[in-house]
Amino acid sequence: MFLEAERVVEAVAGRSGGCRVLVVGDLMLDRYLTGDVGRISPEAPVPVLKLAGERLVAGGAANVARNLVGLGLAVTLAGVRGDDADGAALAGLLDEAGIGHDAVLASADRPTTSKTRVVGNCQQMLRIDAEDTTPLSARLQTALERSVVARLAGVDVLLLSDYAKGVLTGDLCGRLIAAGAAHGVPVLVDPKGRDFTRYSGATVLTPNRAELALAAGVDAADLDGLLHGAVRLRAELGLAELVLTLGELGMALVTACGTTRVPAVAREVFDVSGAGDTVIATIAAGHAAGLDPVDRAHLANLAAGVVVAHRGTAAITAEELAGAIAGEAALEQAAKVRSLAAMRAQVGQWRAGGERIVFTNGCFDLLHVGHVTYLERARRHGQRLIVGLNSDRSVRALKGPERPLIGEQDRARVLAALAAVDGVVLFDEDTPIELIRTLRPDVLAKGADYREEDVVGAAEVKGWGGQVVLVPLVAQQSTTGIIARMRSEDGG
């Protein structure tokens, strides 16, 4: 796992008192009309929705702000809404969410952008958009720019959320990016449209597959073309990073150092509405918290995997993100436990990368500090540590019918949770000699209570040029001793 759940959430949300993000962009009101459909209208061949409820959600740039607040950051929102009922409803939602919106301008000349979704039997049937996408007037652009620039001295990140609804014109984008640079504030942009030159000089750009294909003039189905286009655009626009979101293929992080792929998180997808908002908000939060680019992209990928599992426009929370991180860690730990064939293939990959393989074995029943210290010391002799773990039958043969106290699958899972352990493979034989011959480790580790000539596999490992090391043990720490003390204290 790239970061522990607790440390990530603390890093991202722990600075909320001193970290502020200024979000500028197209504000929207998302309206959901929900109910049941049980018949077709006699007036026309259309379904009849029996209305059961209406839900209003702050959308567009306001949803980016919602995500940031959910992660524990302080947010100021800037943009334009209509001087109308939808605008008033949007302002009320922002108040409820704790989002500062004194930099949002109310205009009598254009309506509040709204998207009304009609949902019957949990299926979206129709979307009705009310909007004016003409560029803001020069007067509104000037007023918005002044409002944003006046607040730059007090923010850690400037985020531009462009939904191509007329607020972030090309000229305004350029001036805001330049103002951010002048104040030493990183500028993150969620882009739209064919012409990305308006975002030149930004710190981070987060296009999706379709957006980048349009801007780079490549086929959206051509992954190689997309990745090459992302590399070219990052250089041409002078970006520090370009994060390309690829849906089920995850993300690609493009920096001056190259391209890093971040695999997708396997999730059941209900609704992708607002997933891009979550991505850029999480990257912004990670940026403000000082995480490195790969960790920011990884974190955003996990967050997006959470929100697409919700119905409708959704925002991530710190608690949900911590759960996603912990869940991924559990999957990664479980994946450390492999069959011998799978472990052999993995060892081949590690060795091809120049990594030195250390092998040790044992029962590891009732794991204690002596075990943990031993494994940490063993791993210091290489880059990867594989533990051969005695099966329950094998433990009984060695230790007697009352052992093990902990079953083999639980013992394997606990070992896999240790940072020092890179792989666990069970064996049912009395000795691990077949594992050793199959995996051919570079280093064979055993406790210092053994003599080298008594270590199973020592001759074989030395025969192919490997090394045998006897690892110092923690004094007076053993499972047998712990069991004896427990029985003594219980009167047994």
Protein backbone atom coordinates (compact mmCIF):
# COMPACT_ATOMS: atom_id res chain seq x y z
CA MET A 1 0.00 0.00 0.00
CA PHE A 2 1.32 3.44 -0.95
CA LEU A 3 0.17 5.07 2.31
CA GLU A 4 -1.61 3.90 5.44
CA ALA A 5 -5.25 4.99 5.69
CA GLU A 6 -4.83 6.89 8.93
CA ARG A 7 -1.77 8.78 7.74
CA VAL A 8 -3.42 9.77 4.45
CA VAL A 9 -6.57 11.09 6.06
CA GLU A 10 -4.54 12.95 8.66
CA ALA A 11 -2.31 14.40 5.93
CA VAL A 12 -5.20 15.42 3.68
CA ALA A 13 -7.74 16.55 6.23
CA GLY A 14 -5.53 17.39 9.19
CA ARG A 15 -4.57 20.80 7.80
CA SER A 16 -8.15 21.96 7.26
CA GLY A 17 -7.78 24.77 9.75
CA GLY A 18 -4.88 26.33 7.85
CA CYS A 19 -5.44 25.11 4.29
CA ARG A 20 -7.83 26.88 1.94
CA VAL A 21 -8.74 26.08 -1.64
CA LEU A 22 -10.27 28.67 -3.95
CA VAL A 23 -12.53 27.01 -6.55
CA VAL A 24 -13.52 29.01 -9.63
CA GLY A 25 -15.83 27.79 -12.36
CA ASP A 26 -19.26 26.90 -13.66
CA LEU A 27 -21.80 26.49 -10.87
CA MET A 28 -24.79 24.22 -11.34
CA LEU A 29 -27.87 23.03 -9.55
CA ASP A 30 -28.51 19.32 -9.98
CA ARG A 31 -32.17 18.38 -9.48
CA TYR A 32 -33.35 14.77 -9.21
CA LEU A 33 -37.04 13.94 -9.68
CA THR A 34 -37.55 10.37 -8.54
CA GLY A 35 -40.47 7.98 -8.48
CA ASP A 36 -41.98 4.81 -9.90
CA VAL A 37 -43.07 4.02 -13.43
CA GLY A 38 -45.92 1.59 -13.75
CA ARG A 39 -47.76 2.56 -16.93
CA ILE A 40 -47.57 4.24 -20.31
CA SER A 41 -49.35 7.53 -20.90
CA PRO A 42 -52.59 7.30 -22.93
CA GLU A 43 -51.68 10.66 -24.46
CA ALA A 44 -48.41 9.52 -26.03
CA PRO A 45 -46.16 6.41 -25.96
CA VAL A 46 -44.15 7.67 -23.00
CA PRO A 47 -43.77 6.30 -19.44
CA VAL A 48 -45.65 8.03 -16.63
CA LEU A 49 -43.57 8.84 -13.55
CA LYS A 50 -45.44 8.88 -10.26
CA LEU A 51 -43.37 11.53 -8.50
CA ALA A 52 -42.18 10.46 -5.06
CA GLY A 53 -39.45 12.97 -4.28
CA GLU A 54 -37.20 15.80 -5.36
CA ARG A 55 -33.57 16.19 -4.39
CA LEU A 56 -31.32 19.18 -5.00
CA VAL A 57 -27.51 18.92 -5.11
CA ALA A 58 -24.84 21.56 -5.71
CA GLY A 59 -23.14 20.56 -8.95
CA GLY A 60 -20.37 21.54 -11.34
CA ALA A 61 -17.68 23.62 -9.63
CA ALA A 62 -19.87 23.58 -6.51
CA ASN A 63 -19.57 19.80 -6.43
CA VAL A 64 -15.79 20.14 -6.52
CA ALA A 65 -16.15 22.36 -3.47
CA ARG A 66 -18.38 19.76 -1.79
CA ASN A 67 -15.69 17.11 -2.29
CA LEU A 68 -13.04 19.35 -0.77
CA VAL A 69 -15.21 20.10 2.26
CA GLY A 70 -15.86 16.37 2.62
CA LEU A 71 -12.11 15.85 2.83
CA GLY A 72 -11.89 18.41 5.62
CA LEU A 73 -10.53 21.44 3.76
CA ALA A 74 -11.77 25.02 3.92
CA VAL A 75 -13.18 26.19 0.58
CA THR A 76 -14.15 29.45 -1.04
CA LEU A 77 -16.21 29.22 -4.23
CA ALA A 78 -16.19 31.82 -7.00
CA GLY A 79 -18.39 31.94 -10.09
CA VAL A 80 -21.69 33.25 -11.40
CA ARG A 81 -25.25 32.16 -10.66
CA GLY A 82 -28.53 33.53 -11.81
CA ASP A 83 -30.53 35.99 -9.75
CA ASP A 84 -33.38 33.48 -9.67
CA ALA A 85 -35.02 30.76 -7.57
CA ASP A 86 -32.49 28.11 -8.62
CA GLY A 87 -29.67 30.48 -7.70
CA ALA A 88 -31.18 31.04 -4.26
CA ALA A 89 -31.57 27.28 -3.82
CA LEU A 90 -27.93 26.78 -4.79
CA ALA A 91 -26.79 29.43 -2.31
CA GLY A 92 -28.75 27.65 0.42
CA LEU A 93 -27.05 24.34 -0.42
CA LEU A 94 -23.64 25.99 -0.23
CA ASP A 95 -24.49 27.41 3.19
CA GLU A 96 -25.56 23.97 4.40
CA ALA A 97 -22.31 22.44 3.17
CA GLY A 98 -20.15 25.07 4.84
CA ILE A 99 -18.79 26.40 1.55
CA GLY A 100 -17.89 30.08 1.45
CA HIS A 101 -19.56 31.74 -1.53
CA ASP A 102 -19.17 35.46 -1.02
CA ALA A 103 -17.18 35.47 -4.29
CA VAL A 104 -20.16 34.07 -6.25
CA LEU A 105 -21.78 36.79 -8.33
CA ALA A 106 -25.54 36.89 -8.90
CA SER A 107 -26.51 37.99 -12.42
CA ALA A 108 -29.92 39.01 -13.68
CA ASP A 109 -28.70 38.51 -17.26
CA ARG A 110 -28.27 34.73 -17.23
CA PRO A 111 -30.03 31.84 -15.47
CA THR A 112 -28.51 29.51 -12.94
CA THR A 113 -27.29 26.50 -14.86
CA SER A 114 -29.41 23.52 -13.86
CA LYS A 115 -29.66 19.87 -14.80
CA THR A 116 -32.93 18.15 -13.95
CA ARG A 117 -32.77 14.37 -14.07
CA VAL A 118 -35.97 12.34 -14.14
CA VAL A 119 -35.35 8.96 -12.52
CA GLY A 120 -37.96 6.20 -12.62
CA ASN A 121 -37.47 2.84 -10.94
CA CYS A 122 -33.84 3.81 -10.24
CA GLN A 123 -33.23 4.36 -13.96
CA GLN A 124 -32.51 7.80 -15.42
CA MET A 125 -35.15 8.45 -18.07
CA LEU A 126 -34.54 12.05 -19.10
CA ARG A 127 -32.30 15.02 -18.41
CA ILE A 128 -33.47 18.61 -18.84
CA ASP A 129 -30.80 21.32 -19.03
CA ALA A 130 -31.47 25.00 -18.42
CA GLU A 131 -28.41 27.11 -19.23
CA ASP A 132 -26.84 30.00 -21.06
CA THR A 133 -23.39 29.00 -22.36
CA THR A 134 -22.48 32.31 -23.96
CA PRO A 135 -19.26 33.80 -22.53
CA LEU A 136 -19.59 36.07 -19.55
CA SER A 137 -19.86 39.74 -20.34
CA ALA A 138 -16.69 41.81 -20.00
CA ARG A 139 -18.21 43.42 -16.90
CA LEU A 140 -18.83 40.09 -15.17
CA GLN A 141 -15.42 38.73 -16.18
CA THR A 142 -13.70 41.77 -14.69
CA ALA A 143 -15.73 41.57 -11.48
CA LEU A 144 -15.05 37.85 -11.10
CA GLU A 145 -11.34 38.25 -11.80
CA ARG A 146 -11.00 41.01 -9.22
CA SER A 147 -12.83 38.91 -6.65
CA VAL A 148 -10.55 35.92 -7.26
CA VAL A 149 -7.26 37.85 -7.33
CA ALA A 150 -8.18 39.63 -4.11
CA ARG A 151 -8.35 36.26 -2.35
CA LEU A 152 -5.23 34.59 -3.77
CA ALA A 153 -2.93 35.75 -0.99
CA GLY A 154 -4.87 33.62 1.50
CA VAL A 155 -5.18 30.31 -0.37
CA ASP A 156 -3.01 27.22 -0.84
CA VAL A 157 -4.50 26.02 -4.13
CA LEU A 158 -6.44 27.70 -6.96
CA LEU A 159 -8.72 25.25 -8.76
CA LEU A 160 -10.46 26.00 -12.07
CA SER A 161 -13.48 23.80 -12.78
CA ASP A 162 -14.41 24.36 -16.43
CA TYR A 163 -17.72 22.91 -17.61
CA ALA A 164 -17.81 25.07 -20.78
CA LYS A 165 -20.86 27.00 -19.55
CA GLY A 166 -19.34 30.41 -20.32
CA VAL A 167 -17.66 31.37 -17.05
CA LEU A 168 -14.04 30.38 -17.70
CA THR A 169 -13.38 32.09 -21.00
CA GLY A 170 -9.98 31.69 -22.63
CA ASP A 171 -8.81 35.15 -21.62
CA LEU A 172 -10.04 34.79 -18.06
CA CYS A 173 -8.34 31.39 -17.66
CA GLY A 174 -5.04 32.83 -18.82
CA ARG A 175 -5.25 35.78 -16.45
CA LEU A 176 -6.21 33.64 -13.46
CA ILE A 177 -3.40 31.15 -14.12
CA ALA A 178 -0.93 34.02 -14.39
CA ALA A 179 -2.27 35.54 -11.17
CA GLY A 180 -1.90 32.23 -9.38
CA ALA A 181 1.71 31.94 -10.54
CA ALA A 182 2.41 35.51 -9.43
CA HIS A 183 1.17 34.64 -5.94
CA GLY A 184 3.04 31.33 -5.83
CA VAL A 185 -0.25 29.40 -5.74
CA PRO A 186 -0.48 26.11 -7.70
CA VAL A 187 -3.30 26.15 -10.27
CA LEU A 188 -5.21 22.92 -10.95
CA VAL A 189 -7.61 22.72 -13.91
CA ASP A 190 -10.39 20.33 -14.89
CA PRO A 191 -10.57 21.21 -18.60
CA LYS A 192 -13.17 21.28 -21.36
CA GLY A 193 -13.22 22.00 -25.07
CA ARG A 194 -10.90 21.52 -28.01
CA ASP A 195 -8.40 24.28 -27.24
CA PHE A 196 -6.27 23.55 -24.18
CA THR A 197 -3.92 26.45 -24.83
CA ARG A 198 -6.14 28.52 -22.54
CA TYR A 199 -4.72 26.42 -19.69
CA SER A 200 -1.06 27.05 -20.54
CA GLY A 201 1.11 27.46 -17.47
CA ALA A 202 -1.24 25.63 -15.10
CA THR A 203 0.27 23.28 -12.56
CA VAL A 204 -1.99 20.25 -13.09
CA LEU A 205 -4.53 19.39 -15.79
CA THR A 206 -7.01 16.50 -15.33
CA PRO A 207 -8.71 15.66 -18.66
CA ASN A 208 -10.68 12.49 -19.23
CA ARG A 209 -10.22 10.25 -22.26
CA ALA A 210 -12.73 12.07 -24.49
CA GLU A 211 -11.47 15.52 -23.53
CA LEU A 212 -7.84 14.70 -24.21
CA ALA A 213 -8.69 12.98 -27.49
CA LEU A 214 -10.47 16.14 -28.67
CA ALA A 215 -7.66 18.46 -27.59
CA ALA A 216 -4.84 16.28 -28.90
CA GLY A 217 -6.59 15.29 -32.13
CA VAL A 218 -6.34 11.54 -31.50
CA ASP A 219 -8.79 8.65 -31.43
CA ALA A 220 -10.28 8.18 -27.96
CA ALA A 221 -10.11 4.40 -28.48
CA ASP A 222 -6.35 4.50 -29.21
CA LEU A 223 -4.69 4.19 -25.81
CA ASP A 224 -1.15 4.60 -27.13
CA GLY A 225 -2.23 7.66 -29.09
CA LEU A 226 -3.86 9.12 -25.98
CA LEU A 227 -0.75 8.59 -23.87
CA HIS A 228 1.51 10.12 -26.51
CA GLY A 229 -0.94 13.00 -26.86
CA ALA A 230 -0.87 13.54 -23.09
CA VAL A 231 2.94 13.66 -23.09
CA ARG A 232 2.94 16.16 -25.96
CA LEU A 233 0.28 18.41 -24.43
CA ARG A 234 1.99 18.49 -21.04
CA ALA A 235 5.18 19.74 -22.67
CA GLU A 236 3.47 22.19 -25.04
CA LEU A 237 1.35 23.74 -22.27
CA GLY A 238 4.17 23.94 -19.75
CA LEU A 239 2.30 21.86 -17.15
CA ALA A 240 3.99 20.28 -14.16
CA GLU A 241 1.58 17.33 -14.34
CA LEU A 242 -1.17 15.99 -16.56
CA VAL A 243 -3.46 13.39 -15.01
CA LEU A 244 -5.40 11.51 -17.68
CA THR A 245 -8.45 9.64 -16.36
CA LEU A 246 -9.19 6.48 -18.34
CA GLY A 247 -12.33 5.06 -16.74
CA GLU A 248 -12.02 1.32 -16.25
CA LEU A 249 -8.30 1.55 -17.16
CA GLY A 250 -7.53 3.84 -14.22
CA MET A 251 -5.31 6.87 -14.72
CA ALA A 252 -2.06 7.94 -16.33
CA LEU A 253 0.14 10.48 -14.53
CA VAL A 254 2.37 12.36 -16.96
CA THR A 255 5.25 14.46 -15.60
CA ALA A 256 8.63 15.59 -16.89
CA CYS A 257 9.98 12.29 -15.52
CA GLY A 258 7.69 10.13 -17.66
CA THR A 259 4.31 8.40 -17.52
CA THR A 260 3.05 6.37 -14.55
CA ARG A 261 -0.05 4.19 -14.92
CA VAL A 262 -2.39 3.93 -11.94
CA PRO A 263 -4.68 0.88 -12.29
CA ALA A 264 -8.42 1.18 -11.79
CA VAL A 265 -10.14 0.14 -8.59
CA ALA A 266 -12.64 -2.66 -9.22
CA ARG A 267 -16.04 -1.26 -8.24
CA GLU A 268 -19.66 -1.66 -9.26
CA VAL A 269 -20.47 1.52 -11.18
CA PHE A 270 -23.89 3.09 -10.68
CA ASP A 271 -23.30 6.66 -11.83
CA VAL A 272 -20.21 8.45 -13.12
CA SER A 273 -21.75 11.90 -12.55
CA GLY A 274 -19.25 14.07 -10.74
CA ALA A 275 -16.40 11.54 -10.77
CA GLY A 276 -14.13 14.10 -12.44
CA ASP A 277 -15.00 16.59 -9.69
CA THR A 278 -13.87 14.06 -7.09
CA VAL A 279 -10.63 13.37 -8.95
CA ILE A 280 -9.48 16.99 -9.14
CA ALA A 281 -10.69 17.77 -5.61
CA THR A 282 -8.71 14.86 -4.19
CA ILE A 283 -5.62 15.81 -6.16
CA ALA A 284 -5.99 19.37 -4.87
CA ALA A 285 -6.34 18.13 -1.29
CA GLY A 286 -3.29 15.91 -1.69
CA HIS A 287 -1.37 18.79 -3.23
CA ALA A 288 -2.20 21.06 -0.31
CA ALA A 289 -1.21 18.30 2.13
CA GLY A 290 2.19 17.83 0.48
CA LEU A 291 1.69 14.35 -1.01
CA ASP A 292 3.83 13.46 -4.02
CA PRO A 293 2.28 13.27 -7.53
CA VAL A 294 1.98 9.46 -7.65
CA ASP A 295 0.30 9.31 -4.24
CA ARG A 296 -2.07 12.12 -5.23
CA ALA A 297 -3.09 10.28 -8.41
CA HIS A 298 -3.46 6.99 -6.54
CA LEU A 299 -5.58 8.67 -3.89
CA ALA A 300 -7.79 10.34 -6.52
CA ASN A 301 -8.26 7.01 -8.25
CA LEU A 302 -9.50 5.43 -5.02
CA ALA A 303 -11.81 8.37 -4.33
CA ALA A 304 -13.33 8.18 -7.80
CA GLY A 305 -13.94 4.47 -7.27
CA VAL A 306 -16.00 5.35 -4.19
CA VAL A 307 -18.22 8.02 -5.75
CA VAL A 308 -19.14 6.05 -8.88
CA ALA A 309 -20.68 3.46 -6.57
CA HIS A 310 -23.23 6.10 -5.46
CA ARG A 311 -26.32 7.06 -7.40
CA GLY A 312 -26.43 10.65 -8.59
CA THR A 313 -23.89 13.42 -8.08
CA ALA A 314 -21.86 12.43 -5.03
CA ALA A 315 -18.95 13.85 -3.03
CA ILE A 316 -16.22 11.91 -1.25
CA THR A 317 -15.72 12.10 2.52
CA ALA A 318 -12.57 11.54 4.55
CA GLU A 319 -14.21 8.52 6.19
CA GLU A 320 -15.06 6.92 2.85
CA LEU A 321 -11.57 7.57 1.54
CA ALA A 322 -10.02 6.01 4.63
CA GLY A 323 -12.23 2.96 4.12
CA ALA A 324 -11.17 2.67 0.47
CA ILE A 325 -7.50 2.89 1.42
CA ALA A 326 -7.89 0.29 4.15
CA GLY A 327 -9.82 -1.96 1.77
CA GLU A 328 -7.09 -1.73 -0.85
CA ALA A 329 -4.47 -2.49 1.77
CA ALA A 330 -6.40 -5.61 2.79
CA LEU A 331 -6.56 -6.78 -0.82
CA GLU A 332 -2.86 -6.17 -1.32
CA GLN A 333 -2.02 -8.06 1.86
CA ALA A 334 -4.22 -10.99 0.86
CA ALA A 335 -2.51 -11.01 -2.54
CA LYS A 336 0.84 -11.66 -0.83
CA VAL A 337 -0.34 -15.18 0.01
CA ARG A 338 0.37 -17.21 -3.14
CA SER A 339 0.59 -20.76 -4.41
CA LEU A 340 4.07 -22.08 -5.11
CA ALA A 341 3.59 -21.71 -8.87
CA ALA A 342 2.42 -18.10 -8.50
CA MET A 343 5.25 -17.31 -6.10
CA ARG A 344 7.79 -18.75 -8.53
CA ALA A 345 6.46 -16.46 -11.27
CA GLN A 346 6.59 -13.48 -8.93
CA VAL A 347 10.15 -14.29 -7.91
CA GLY A 348 11.08 -14.33 -11.60
CA GLN A 349 9.74 -10.79 -11.99
CA TRP A 350 11.55 -9.54 -8.89
CA ARG A 351 14.80 -11.16 -9.96
CA ALA A 352 14.49 -9.71 -13.47
CA GLY A 353 14.36 -6.30 -11.79
CA GLY A 354 17.64 -6.98 -10.03
CA GLU A 355 16.12 -7.63 -6.62
CA ARG A 356 17.73 -10.01 -4.12
CA ILE A 357 15.38 -12.69 -2.75
CA VAL A 358 15.49 -13.76 0.90
CA PHE A 359 13.70 -16.91 2.07
CA THR A 360 12.89 -18.07 5.57
CA ASN A 361 10.39 -20.50 7.01
CA GLY A 362 8.59 -21.40 10.20
CA CYS A 363 5.30 -22.07 11.94
CA PHE A 364 4.73 -18.50 13.15
CA ASP A 365 2.01 -19.64 15.50
CA LEU A 366 0.82 -16.89 17.88
CA LEU A 367 2.89 -14.13 16.25
CA HIS A 368 4.92 -12.10 18.76
CA VAL A 369 7.61 -9.39 18.84
CA GLY A 370 10.35 -11.96 18.45
CA HIS A 371 8.86 -13.09 15.13
CA VAL A 372 8.42 -9.54 13.88
CA THR A 373 11.96 -8.51 14.78
CA TYR A 374 13.37 -11.66 13.21
CA LEU A 375 11.53 -11.06 9.94
CA GLU A 376 12.61 -7.42 9.82
CA ARG A 377 16.24 -8.45 10.37
CA ALA A 378 16.01 -11.20 7.74
CA ARG A 379 14.67 -8.82 5.08
CA ARG A 380 17.68 -6.52 5.51
CA HIS A 381 19.73 -9.09 3.60
CA GLY A 382 17.80 -8.44 0.36
CA GLN A 383 14.96 -6.53 -1.26
CA ARG A 384 12.23 -9.18 -1.01
CA LEU A 385 11.38 -11.58 1.81
CA ILE A 386 9.39 -14.76 1.22
CA VAL A 387 8.11 -16.76 4.17
CA GLY A 388 7.53 -20.49 3.80
CA LEU A 389 4.73 -21.21 6.28
CA ASN A 390 4.09 -24.66 7.74
CA SER A 391 0.55 -25.91 7.12
CA ASP A 392 -1.56 -26.98 10.08
CA ARG A 393 -0.73 -30.63 9.41
CA SER A 394 2.96 -29.83 9.22
CA VAL A 395 2.84 -27.88 12.49
CA ARG A 396 1.11 -30.77 14.26
CA ALA A 397 3.82 -33.12 13.02
CA LEU A 398 6.49 -30.84 14.46
CA LYS A 399 4.86 -29.45 17.60
CA GLY A 400 2.28 -32.03 18.65
CA PRO A 401 -1.51 -32.45 18.38
CA GLU A 402 -2.37 -29.28 20.36
CA ARG A 403 -0.67 -26.99 17.85
CA PRO A 404 -1.12 -24.77 15.99
CA LEU A 405 -3.20 -22.42 18.09
CA ILE A 406 -3.92 -20.32 14.99
CA GLY A 407 -5.05 -21.84 11.69
CA GLU A 408 -2.85 -21.69 8.60
CA GLN A 409 -4.97 -19.17 6.68
CA ASP A 410 -5.09 -16.79 9.63
CA ARG A 411 -1.36 -17.17 10.23
CA ALA A 412 -0.68 -16.45 6.55
CA ARG A 413 -2.92 -13.39 6.58
CA VAL A 414 -1.24 -11.92 9.67
CA LEU A 415 2.23 -12.47 8.19
CA ALA A 416 1.13 -10.82 4.94
CA ALA A 417 0.12 -7.71 6.89
CA LEU A 418 3.73 -7.14 7.96
CA ALA A 419 5.63 -4.57 5.90
CA ALA A 420 8.77 -6.73 6.06
CA VAL A 421 7.05 -9.66 4.32
CA ASP A 422 6.63 -9.62 0.53
CA GLY A 423 5.19 -13.09 0.03
CA VAL A 424 3.84 -16.07 1.94
CA VAL A 425 3.61 -19.62 0.58
CA LEU A 426 2.23 -22.57 2.55
CA PHE A 427 3.88 -25.98 2.52
CA ASP A 428 2.52 -29.24 3.84
CA GLU A 429 5.76 -31.23 4.00
CA ASP A 430 7.84 -31.57 7.15
CA THR A 431 10.57 -29.38 5.63
CA PRO A 432 10.56 -26.54 3.09
CA ILE A 433 13.19 -28.11 0.83
CA GLU A 434 10.90 -28.26 -2.23
CA LEU A 435 10.03 -24.57 -1.81
CA ILE A 436 13.70 -23.70 -1.61
CA ARG A 437 14.60 -25.75 -4.68
CA THR A 438 11.74 -24.24 -6.66
CA LEU A 439 12.23 -20.60 -5.64
CA ARG A 440 16.06 -20.69 -5.56
CA PRO A 441 16.47 -17.76 -3.13
CA ASP A 442 19.63 -15.67 -3.06
CA VAL A 443 19.63 -15.72 0.74
CA LEU A 444 18.39 -18.44 3.09
CA ALA A 445 17.69 -17.01 6.56
CA LYS A 446 17.24 -18.95 9.77
CA GLY A 447 17.39 -18.11 13.46
CA ALA A 448 20.77 -17.91 15.18
CA ASP A 449 19.74 -20.81 17.43
CA TYR A 450 20.55 -23.06 14.43
CA ARG A 451 23.93 -24.17 13.16
CA GLU A 452 24.44 -23.63 9.44
CA GLU A 453 24.96 -27.34 8.80
CA ASP A 454 21.55 -28.04 10.37
CA VAL A 455 19.61 -25.54 8.22
CA VAL A 456 17.40 -27.31 5.67
CA GLY A 457 18.36 -26.17 2.19
CA ALA A 458 21.69 -24.61 3.19
CA ALA A 459 23.76 -26.86 0.93
CA GLU A 460 21.44 -26.29 -2.02
CA VAL A 461 21.44 -22.49 -1.67
CA LYS A 462 25.21 -22.33 -1.35
CA GLY A 463 25.46 -24.70 -4.31
CA TRP A 464 23.92 -22.16 -6.68
CA GLY A 465 25.95 -19.30 -5.26
CA GLY A 466 23.53 -18.13 -2.60
CA GLN A 467 24.15 -17.18 1.01
CA VAL A 468 22.99 -18.62 4.33
CA VAL A 469 22.54 -16.13 7.18
CA LEU A 470 21.79 -16.85 10.84
CA VAL A 471 19.63 -14.03 12.17
CA PRO A 472 19.93 -12.97 15.83
CA LEU A 473 16.80 -13.66 17.87
CA VAL A 474 15.08 -11.62 20.56
CA ALA A 475 15.95 -13.19 23.89
CA GLN A 476 13.24 -15.00 25.85
CA GLN A 477 10.62 -14.66 23.13
CA SER A 478 9.00 -17.82 21.80
CA THR A 479 5.51 -19.11 21.17
CA THR A 480 6.20 -22.17 23.34
CA GLY A 481 7.24 -19.90 26.21
CA ILE A 482 4.18 -17.69 25.84
CA ILE A 483 1.88 -20.73 25.88
CA ALA A 484 3.63 -22.09 28.98
CA ARG A 485 3.19 -18.77 30.80
CA MET A 486 -0.48 -18.60 29.82
CA ARG A 487 -1.13 -22.08 31.13
CA SER A 488 0.75 -21.31 34.33
CA GLU A 489 -1.32 -18.17 34.92
CA ASP A 490 -4.51 -20.14 34.28
CA GLY A 491 -3.50 -22.73 36.77
CA GLY A 492 -3.09 -25.33 34.11
